[in-house]
N, C-alpha and C. Protein backbone atom coordinates (compact mmCIF):
# COMPACT_ATOMS: atom_id res chain seq x y z
N MET A 1 3.35 -22.18 -0.46
CA MET A 1 3.34 -20.77 -0.07
C MET A 1 2.39 -20.59 1.11
N GLU A 2 2.79 -19.80 2.07
CA GLU A 2 1.98 -19.60 3.26
C GLU A 2 0.68 -18.89 2.92
N GLY A 3 -0.44 -19.36 3.49
CA GLY A 3 -1.74 -18.75 3.24
C GLY A 3 -1.93 -17.47 4.03
N LYS A 4 -2.77 -16.59 3.52
CA LYS A 4 -3.08 -15.32 4.19
C LYS A 4 -4.59 -15.13 4.18
N LYS A 5 -5.08 -14.20 4.99
CA LYS A 5 -6.52 -13.94 5.06
C LYS A 5 -6.99 -13.11 3.88
N GLU A 6 -8.24 -13.26 3.53
CA GLU A 6 -8.82 -12.61 2.36
C GLU A 6 -9.55 -11.33 2.74
N LEU A 7 -9.38 -10.30 1.94
CA LEU A 7 -10.09 -9.05 2.12
C LEU A 7 -11.46 -9.20 1.47
N ASP A 8 -12.51 -8.92 2.21
CA ASP A 8 -13.87 -9.10 1.72
C ASP A 8 -14.62 -7.78 1.89
N GLY A 9 -14.57 -6.91 0.87
CA GLY A 9 -15.20 -5.60 0.97
C GLY A 9 -14.56 -4.78 2.07
N LYS A 10 -15.35 -4.30 3.00
CA LYS A 10 -14.82 -3.47 4.07
C LYS A 10 -14.44 -4.29 5.31
N SER A 11 -14.68 -5.59 5.27
CA SER A 11 -14.29 -6.45 6.39
C SER A 11 -13.44 -7.58 5.84
N MET A 12 -12.85 -8.34 6.73
CA MET A 12 -12.01 -9.45 6.30
C MET A 12 -12.65 -10.78 6.66
N ALA A 13 -12.58 -11.71 5.75
CA ALA A 13 -12.99 -13.08 6.02
C ALA A 13 -11.73 -13.84 6.41
N THR A 14 -11.89 -14.99 6.97
CA THR A 14 -10.72 -15.75 7.40
C THR A 14 -10.41 -16.89 6.44
N ILE A 15 -10.72 -16.71 5.17
CA ILE A 15 -10.40 -17.69 4.14
C ILE A 15 -8.92 -17.56 3.82
N GLN A 16 -8.21 -18.68 3.77
CA GLN A 16 -6.77 -18.65 3.51
C GLN A 16 -6.52 -18.38 2.03
N LYS A 17 -5.58 -17.50 1.74
CA LYS A 17 -5.21 -17.13 0.37
C LYS A 17 -3.70 -17.10 0.24
N SER A 18 -3.22 -17.27 -0.98
CA SER A 18 -1.80 -17.14 -1.23
C SER A 18 -1.41 -15.66 -1.12
N ILE A 19 -0.13 -15.41 -0.96
CA ILE A 19 0.36 -14.03 -0.87
C ILE A 19 0.01 -13.27 -2.16
N GLU A 20 0.18 -13.92 -3.30
CA GLU A 20 -0.14 -13.27 -4.58
C GLU A 20 -1.62 -12.92 -4.67
N GLN A 21 -2.49 -13.86 -4.30
CA GLN A 21 -3.93 -13.61 -4.34
C GLN A 21 -4.30 -12.50 -3.36
N LYS A 22 -3.68 -12.51 -2.20
CA LYS A 22 -3.93 -11.48 -1.20
C LYS A 22 -3.57 -10.10 -1.76
N GLY A 23 -2.43 -10.02 -2.46
CA GLY A 23 -2.02 -8.76 -3.06
C GLY A 23 -3.02 -8.27 -4.09
N ILE A 24 -3.50 -9.16 -4.92
CA ILE A 24 -4.49 -8.80 -5.95
C ILE A 24 -5.77 -8.28 -5.30
N GLU A 25 -6.21 -8.96 -4.25
CA GLU A 25 -7.44 -8.53 -3.57
C GLU A 25 -7.25 -7.18 -2.88
N GLY A 26 -6.08 -6.94 -2.31
CA GLY A 26 -5.80 -5.64 -1.70
C GLY A 26 -5.83 -4.53 -2.74
N GLU A 27 -5.23 -4.79 -3.91
CA GLU A 27 -5.23 -3.81 -5.00
C GLU A 27 -6.66 -3.53 -5.47
N GLN A 28 -7.46 -4.56 -5.60
CA GLN A 28 -8.86 -4.38 -6.03
C GLN A 28 -9.65 -3.58 -5.00
N TYR A 29 -9.43 -3.88 -3.74
CA TYR A 29 -10.12 -3.17 -2.65
C TYR A 29 -9.77 -1.68 -2.66
N VAL A 30 -8.48 -1.35 -2.71
CA VAL A 30 -8.04 0.05 -2.73
C VAL A 30 -8.53 0.73 -4.00
N SER A 31 -8.49 0.03 -5.12
CA SER A 31 -8.97 0.58 -6.39
C SER A 31 -10.45 0.97 -6.28
N ARG A 32 -11.27 0.10 -5.70
CA ARG A 32 -12.70 0.40 -5.52
C ARG A 32 -12.88 1.63 -4.64
N GLU A 33 -12.11 1.70 -3.56
CA GLU A 33 -12.23 2.85 -2.65
C GLU A 33 -11.86 4.15 -3.36
N LEU A 34 -10.79 4.14 -4.14
CA LEU A 34 -10.38 5.35 -4.88
C LEU A 34 -11.44 5.74 -5.90
N ARG A 35 -12.00 4.77 -6.60
CA ARG A 35 -13.08 5.07 -7.56
C ARG A 35 -14.29 5.66 -6.84
N ASP A 36 -14.62 5.09 -5.68
CA ASP A 36 -15.75 5.61 -4.89
C ASP A 36 -15.51 7.04 -4.45
N MET A 37 -14.23 7.43 -4.33
CA MET A 37 -13.88 8.80 -3.95
C MET A 37 -13.85 9.73 -5.17
N GLY A 38 -14.05 9.18 -6.38
CA GLY A 38 -14.13 10.01 -7.57
C GLY A 38 -12.91 10.01 -8.46
N TYR A 39 -11.92 9.17 -8.19
CA TYR A 39 -10.70 9.14 -8.99
C TYR A 39 -10.83 8.16 -10.15
N PHE A 40 -10.16 8.48 -11.26
CA PHE A 40 -10.00 7.53 -12.35
C PHE A 40 -8.87 6.59 -11.94
N VAL A 41 -9.07 5.29 -12.08
CA VAL A 41 -8.08 4.32 -11.64
C VAL A 41 -7.87 3.27 -12.72
N VAL A 42 -6.62 3.02 -13.04
CA VAL A 42 -6.25 1.92 -13.93
C VAL A 42 -5.45 0.93 -13.11
N ASN A 43 -5.96 -0.30 -13.01
CA ASN A 43 -5.24 -1.34 -12.29
C ASN A 43 -4.22 -1.92 -13.24
N LYS A 44 -2.94 -1.78 -12.89
CA LYS A 44 -1.86 -2.23 -13.76
C LYS A 44 -1.78 -3.76 -13.80
N GLY A 45 -2.35 -4.44 -12.80
CA GLY A 45 -2.40 -5.89 -12.78
C GLY A 45 -1.06 -6.55 -13.02
N GLN A 46 -1.07 -7.61 -13.80
CA GLN A 46 0.14 -8.39 -14.05
C GLN A 46 1.11 -7.70 -14.98
N GLN A 47 0.68 -6.63 -15.69
CA GLN A 47 1.58 -5.92 -16.60
C GLN A 47 2.53 -4.98 -15.87
N LYS A 48 2.29 -4.76 -14.58
CA LYS A 48 3.07 -3.78 -13.83
C LYS A 48 4.51 -4.21 -13.63
N LYS A 49 5.37 -3.24 -13.50
CA LYS A 49 6.75 -3.48 -13.11
C LYS A 49 6.89 -3.19 -11.62
N SER A 50 6.27 -2.12 -11.13
CA SER A 50 6.37 -1.81 -9.70
C SER A 50 5.08 -1.21 -9.16
N GLU A 51 4.51 -0.23 -9.82
CA GLU A 51 3.30 0.38 -9.29
C GLU A 51 2.10 -0.52 -9.56
N ASP A 52 1.12 -0.50 -8.64
CA ASP A 52 -0.07 -1.32 -8.78
C ASP A 52 -1.18 -0.60 -9.52
N LEU A 53 -1.34 0.71 -9.21
CA LEU A 53 -2.43 1.48 -9.79
C LEU A 53 -1.90 2.78 -10.37
N GLU A 54 -2.54 3.24 -11.43
CA GLU A 54 -2.27 4.57 -11.96
C GLU A 54 -3.57 5.34 -11.84
N CYS A 55 -3.51 6.50 -11.22
CA CYS A 55 -4.73 7.25 -10.89
C CYS A 55 -4.67 8.66 -11.45
N GLU A 56 -5.86 9.24 -11.59
CA GLU A 56 -5.96 10.63 -12.01
C GLU A 56 -7.10 11.30 -11.25
N ASN A 57 -6.82 12.51 -10.80
CA ASN A 57 -7.86 13.36 -10.23
C ASN A 57 -8.54 14.03 -11.41
N PRO A 58 -9.82 13.72 -11.69
CA PRO A 58 -10.48 14.27 -12.88
C PRO A 58 -10.69 15.78 -12.83
N GLU A 59 -10.64 16.36 -11.63
CA GLU A 59 -10.83 17.81 -11.51
C GLU A 59 -9.55 18.57 -11.87
N THR A 60 -8.41 18.06 -11.41
CA THR A 60 -7.14 18.77 -11.63
C THR A 60 -6.30 18.15 -12.74
N LYS A 61 -6.68 16.95 -13.17
CA LYS A 61 -5.92 16.17 -14.16
C LYS A 61 -4.57 15.71 -13.62
N GLU A 62 -4.33 15.86 -12.31
CA GLU A 62 -3.09 15.38 -11.70
C GLU A 62 -3.11 13.86 -11.70
N GLU A 63 -2.00 13.28 -12.18
CA GLU A 63 -1.85 11.83 -12.20
C GLU A 63 -0.86 11.41 -11.12
N PHE A 64 -1.05 10.19 -10.62
CA PHE A 64 -0.14 9.64 -9.61
C PHE A 64 -0.24 8.13 -9.62
N TYR A 65 0.83 7.49 -9.12
CA TYR A 65 0.85 6.05 -8.96
C TYR A 65 0.45 5.70 -7.53
N VAL A 66 -0.06 4.47 -7.37
CA VAL A 66 -0.34 3.94 -6.04
C VAL A 66 0.27 2.56 -5.94
N GLN A 67 1.03 2.35 -4.87
CA GLN A 67 1.56 1.03 -4.55
C GLN A 67 0.79 0.52 -3.34
N VAL A 68 0.16 -0.65 -3.46
CA VAL A 68 -0.68 -1.20 -2.40
C VAL A 68 0.02 -2.37 -1.73
N LYS A 69 0.01 -2.37 -0.41
CA LYS A 69 0.53 -3.48 0.37
C LYS A 69 -0.59 -3.96 1.29
N TYR A 70 -1.04 -5.19 1.08
CA TYR A 70 -2.07 -5.79 1.93
C TYR A 70 -1.36 -6.71 2.91
N LYS A 71 -1.14 -6.21 4.11
CA LYS A 71 -0.42 -6.98 5.12
C LYS A 71 -0.74 -6.46 6.50
N GLU A 72 -0.60 -7.32 7.47
CA GLU A 72 -0.83 -6.95 8.86
C GLU A 72 0.38 -6.22 9.42
N PRO A 73 0.16 -5.24 10.29
CA PRO A 73 1.30 -4.66 11.01
C PRO A 73 1.98 -5.75 11.85
N ARG A 74 3.25 -5.57 12.14
CA ARG A 74 3.93 -6.53 13.01
C ARG A 74 3.30 -6.47 14.40
N LYS A 75 3.24 -7.59 15.07
CA LYS A 75 2.58 -7.65 16.38
C LYS A 75 3.44 -7.05 17.50
N HIS A 76 4.73 -7.38 17.52
CA HIS A 76 5.59 -6.89 18.59
C HIS A 76 5.83 -5.39 18.48
N TYR A 77 5.98 -4.92 17.25
CA TYR A 77 6.17 -3.49 16.99
C TYR A 77 4.93 -3.03 16.22
N PRO A 78 4.27 -1.98 16.63
CA PRO A 78 3.08 -1.52 15.89
C PRO A 78 3.50 -0.76 14.63
N ASP A 79 4.12 -1.50 13.70
CA ASP A 79 4.62 -0.87 12.49
C ASP A 79 4.36 -1.76 11.27
N THR A 80 4.61 -1.22 10.11
CA THR A 80 4.47 -1.96 8.86
C THR A 80 5.51 -1.45 7.88
N GLY A 81 5.78 -2.21 6.86
CA GLY A 81 6.79 -1.79 5.90
C GLY A 81 6.99 -2.80 4.80
N PHE A 82 8.14 -2.71 4.15
CA PHE A 82 8.48 -3.63 3.06
C PHE A 82 9.99 -3.63 2.86
N GLU A 83 10.45 -4.37 1.87
CA GLU A 83 11.87 -4.55 1.62
C GLU A 83 12.53 -3.22 1.25
N LYS A 84 13.76 -3.03 1.75
CA LYS A 84 14.47 -1.78 1.48
C LYS A 84 14.72 -1.59 -0.02
N TRP A 85 15.00 -2.67 -0.75
CA TRP A 85 15.25 -2.54 -2.18
C TRP A 85 14.00 -2.05 -2.90
N ARG A 86 12.81 -2.46 -2.42
CA ARG A 86 11.57 -1.94 -3.01
C ARG A 86 11.44 -0.44 -2.73
N TYR A 87 11.74 -0.06 -1.49
CA TYR A 87 11.68 1.34 -1.10
C TYR A 87 12.55 2.19 -2.03
N GLU A 88 13.76 1.73 -2.28
CA GLU A 88 14.67 2.45 -3.17
C GLU A 88 14.12 2.52 -4.60
N ASN A 89 13.51 1.45 -5.08
CA ASN A 89 12.88 1.46 -6.41
C ASN A 89 11.70 2.42 -6.46
N TYR A 90 10.92 2.47 -5.37
CA TYR A 90 9.77 3.39 -5.32
C TYR A 90 10.22 4.84 -5.35
N LEU A 91 11.32 5.14 -4.69
CA LEU A 91 11.85 6.51 -4.74
C LEU A 91 12.22 6.89 -6.18
N LYS A 92 12.80 5.97 -6.93
CA LYS A 92 13.15 6.24 -8.33
C LYS A 92 11.89 6.41 -9.17
N LEU A 93 10.90 5.57 -8.94
CA LEU A 93 9.63 5.68 -9.67
C LEU A 93 8.96 7.02 -9.39
N ASN A 94 9.10 7.50 -8.16
CA ASN A 94 8.51 8.78 -7.74
C ASN A 94 9.07 9.95 -8.53
N GLU A 95 10.28 9.80 -9.07
CA GLU A 95 10.86 10.86 -9.90
C GLU A 95 10.09 11.02 -11.21
N LYS A 96 9.48 9.94 -11.67
CA LYS A 96 8.71 9.95 -12.91
C LYS A 96 7.29 10.49 -12.68
N LEU A 97 6.64 9.97 -11.64
CA LEU A 97 5.27 10.36 -11.31
C LEU A 97 5.09 10.12 -9.82
N LYS A 98 4.44 11.05 -9.15
CA LYS A 98 4.26 10.99 -7.69
C LYS A 98 3.68 9.63 -7.28
N LEU A 99 4.23 9.04 -6.19
CA LEU A 99 3.84 7.71 -5.75
C LEU A 99 3.25 7.74 -4.35
N LEU A 100 2.05 7.21 -4.23
CA LEU A 100 1.37 7.07 -2.95
C LEU A 100 1.47 5.61 -2.51
N VAL A 101 2.00 5.37 -1.31
CA VAL A 101 2.11 4.01 -0.77
C VAL A 101 0.96 3.82 0.21
N LEU A 102 0.13 2.81 -0.05
CA LEU A 102 -1.01 2.53 0.81
C LEU A 102 -0.95 1.11 1.34
N PHE A 103 -1.24 0.97 2.62
CA PHE A 103 -1.32 -0.33 3.28
C PHE A 103 -2.78 -0.58 3.62
N THR A 104 -3.19 -1.84 3.56
CA THR A 104 -4.47 -2.25 4.10
C THR A 104 -4.24 -3.54 4.86
N ASP A 105 -5.12 -3.85 5.79
CA ASP A 105 -4.93 -5.04 6.61
C ASP A 105 -6.29 -5.63 6.96
N ASN A 106 -6.32 -6.57 7.88
CA ASN A 106 -7.57 -7.26 8.22
C ASN A 106 -8.63 -6.34 8.81
N SER A 107 -8.26 -5.14 9.23
CA SER A 107 -9.25 -4.20 9.75
C SER A 107 -10.06 -3.57 8.62
N GLY A 108 -9.53 -3.62 7.39
CA GLY A 108 -10.17 -2.95 6.26
C GLY A 108 -9.76 -1.50 6.12
N ALA A 109 -8.96 -1.00 7.07
CA ALA A 109 -8.47 0.38 6.99
C ALA A 109 -7.50 0.51 5.83
N ILE A 110 -7.41 1.71 5.25
CA ILE A 110 -6.43 2.01 4.21
C ILE A 110 -5.64 3.21 4.70
N TYR A 111 -4.33 3.05 4.80
CA TYR A 111 -3.48 4.09 5.38
C TYR A 111 -2.11 4.06 4.71
N GLY A 112 -1.40 5.17 4.77
CA GLY A 112 -0.07 5.24 4.17
C GLY A 112 0.39 6.67 4.08
N ASP A 113 1.18 6.96 3.02
CA ASP A 113 1.65 8.32 2.78
C ASP A 113 2.33 8.36 1.43
N TRP A 114 2.62 9.56 0.97
CA TRP A 114 3.40 9.74 -0.25
C TRP A 114 4.81 9.27 0.03
N ILE A 115 5.43 8.58 -0.92
CA ILE A 115 6.75 7.98 -0.70
C ILE A 115 7.78 9.03 -0.27
N ASP A 116 7.69 10.25 -0.77
CA ASP A 116 8.68 11.25 -0.37
C ASP A 116 8.49 11.73 1.06
N ASN A 117 7.40 11.35 1.72
CA ASN A 117 7.20 11.62 3.15
C ASN A 117 7.63 10.44 4.02
N LEU A 118 7.95 9.31 3.40
CA LEU A 118 8.29 8.10 4.14
C LEU A 118 9.80 7.91 4.19
N SER A 119 10.46 8.63 5.06
CA SER A 119 11.91 8.44 5.21
C SER A 119 12.13 7.23 6.12
N ILE A 120 13.30 6.63 5.99
CA ILE A 120 13.63 5.45 6.79
C ILE A 120 13.72 5.85 8.26
N GLU A 121 12.94 5.19 9.10
CA GLU A 121 12.92 5.47 10.53
C GLU A 121 13.83 4.49 11.27
N LYS A 122 14.37 4.93 12.37
CA LYS A 122 15.20 4.08 13.23
C LYS A 122 14.36 3.60 14.42
N GLY A 123 14.86 2.58 15.11
CA GLY A 123 14.22 2.13 16.35
C GLY A 123 13.08 1.15 16.17
N HIS A 124 13.05 0.44 15.06
CA HIS A 124 11.96 -0.51 14.82
C HIS A 124 12.34 -1.94 15.14
N GLY A 125 13.45 -2.14 15.82
CA GLY A 125 13.83 -3.51 16.15
C GLY A 125 14.38 -4.23 14.93
N ASN A 126 14.17 -5.53 14.88
CA ASN A 126 14.74 -6.37 13.83
C ASN A 126 14.29 -5.91 12.44
N THR A 127 15.24 -5.47 11.62
CA THR A 127 14.91 -5.04 10.26
C THR A 127 15.44 -6.02 9.22
N TRP A 128 15.99 -7.17 9.67
CA TRP A 128 16.48 -8.17 8.72
C TRP A 128 15.43 -9.26 8.57
N ASN A 129 15.01 -9.51 7.34
CA ASN A 129 14.04 -10.56 7.05
C ASN A 129 14.82 -11.81 6.64
N SER A 130 14.93 -12.76 7.55
CA SER A 130 15.72 -13.96 7.27
C SER A 130 15.06 -14.87 6.24
N GLU A 131 13.73 -14.83 6.13
CA GLU A 131 13.03 -15.63 5.12
C GLU A 131 13.37 -15.15 3.71
N GLU A 132 13.41 -13.84 3.52
CA GLU A 132 13.69 -13.26 2.20
C GLU A 132 15.16 -12.87 2.05
N ASN A 133 15.90 -12.96 3.16
CA ASN A 133 17.33 -12.62 3.17
C ASN A 133 17.57 -11.19 2.67
N CYS A 134 16.84 -10.23 3.26
CA CYS A 134 17.00 -8.84 2.86
C CYS A 134 16.64 -7.90 4.01
N GLU A 135 17.08 -6.66 3.88
CA GLU A 135 16.77 -5.63 4.86
C GLU A 135 15.39 -5.07 4.61
N MET A 136 14.69 -4.76 5.68
CA MET A 136 13.34 -4.20 5.61
C MET A 136 13.35 -2.75 6.10
N VAL A 137 12.36 -1.97 5.68
CA VAL A 137 12.14 -0.63 6.24
C VAL A 137 10.73 -0.61 6.81
N TYR A 138 10.56 0.08 7.94
CA TYR A 138 9.28 0.11 8.64
C TYR A 138 8.90 1.52 9.03
N TRP A 139 7.58 1.73 9.18
CA TRP A 139 7.02 2.99 9.65
C TRP A 139 5.99 2.67 10.71
N TRP A 140 5.94 3.52 11.74
CA TRP A 140 4.94 3.34 12.80
C TRP A 140 3.55 3.55 12.20
N VAL A 141 2.65 2.62 12.44
CA VAL A 141 1.29 2.72 11.91
C VAL A 141 0.63 4.00 12.40
N LYS A 142 0.88 4.40 13.64
CA LYS A 142 0.25 5.60 14.19
C LYS A 142 0.65 6.87 13.43
N ASN A 143 1.79 6.83 12.72
CA ASN A 143 2.25 8.00 11.96
C ASN A 143 1.77 8.01 10.51
N LEU A 144 1.18 6.90 10.07
CA LEU A 144 0.65 6.84 8.70
C LEU A 144 -0.74 7.47 8.68
N LYS A 145 -1.12 7.99 7.53
CA LYS A 145 -2.38 8.73 7.43
C LYS A 145 -3.46 7.90 6.76
N ASP A 146 -4.68 8.14 7.17
CA ASP A 146 -5.84 7.51 6.53
C ASP A 146 -5.94 8.00 5.09
N LEU A 147 -6.42 7.14 4.21
CA LEU A 147 -6.56 7.49 2.79
C LEU A 147 -7.26 8.83 2.60
N ARG A 148 -8.30 9.09 3.37
CA ARG A 148 -9.08 10.32 3.19
C ARG A 148 -8.38 11.56 3.72
N GLU A 149 -7.29 11.38 4.45
CA GLU A 149 -6.43 12.50 4.83
C GLU A 149 -5.44 12.81 3.72
N LEU A 150 -5.13 11.80 2.91
CA LEU A 150 -4.14 11.95 1.86
C LEU A 150 -4.71 12.49 0.56
N LEU A 151 -5.96 12.14 0.28
CA LEU A 151 -6.62 12.55 -0.97
C LEU A 151 -8.01 13.07 -0.66
N PRO A 152 -8.42 14.15 -1.32
CA PRO A 152 -9.78 14.65 -1.10
C PRO A 152 -10.81 13.72 -1.73
N ASN A 153 -11.96 13.61 -1.08
CA ASN A 153 -13.08 12.87 -1.65
C ASN A 153 -13.76 13.78 -2.65
N LEU A 154 -13.73 13.42 -3.91
CA LEU A 154 -14.26 14.27 -4.99
C LEU A 154 -15.77 14.13 -5.14
N ASN A 155 -16.35 13.17 -4.45
CA ASN A 155 -17.79 12.91 -4.58
C ASN A 155 -18.62 13.55 -3.48
N LEU A 156 -18.06 14.52 -2.77
CA LEU A 156 -18.83 15.19 -1.70
C LEU A 156 -19.67 16.29 -2.25
């Protein structure tokens, strides 16, 4: 399996990691950030079917899911995304409980949007992933929102 870089707190180290390990570290990183903002967070870990985290705003008791993707934006196109079949599954999951999709990368930034705000965009170039043999969906990174724009910091 191809190695990936490791997330180390708010910065990235260049230690090679498997894709699975990278995903776990991204989930842990986002989980820590959400807790630091005052949210209750349950990491679904290996028991999950699709969502990575289940969160609650302790002030409003509103619950929501978080799907974390730890990956670099594409270099040729300043965008990021995932498999179309996952996107379709996330839309179904969103019917049960609101789903927030968050990306993180080697910059340590956390950005994304609520799945119902992420419609399939056109004009992203090659959307066929020949390695996985599936269609991909992408969003321009510049149009995704910082975590703190998406959720209020409850610890202010």
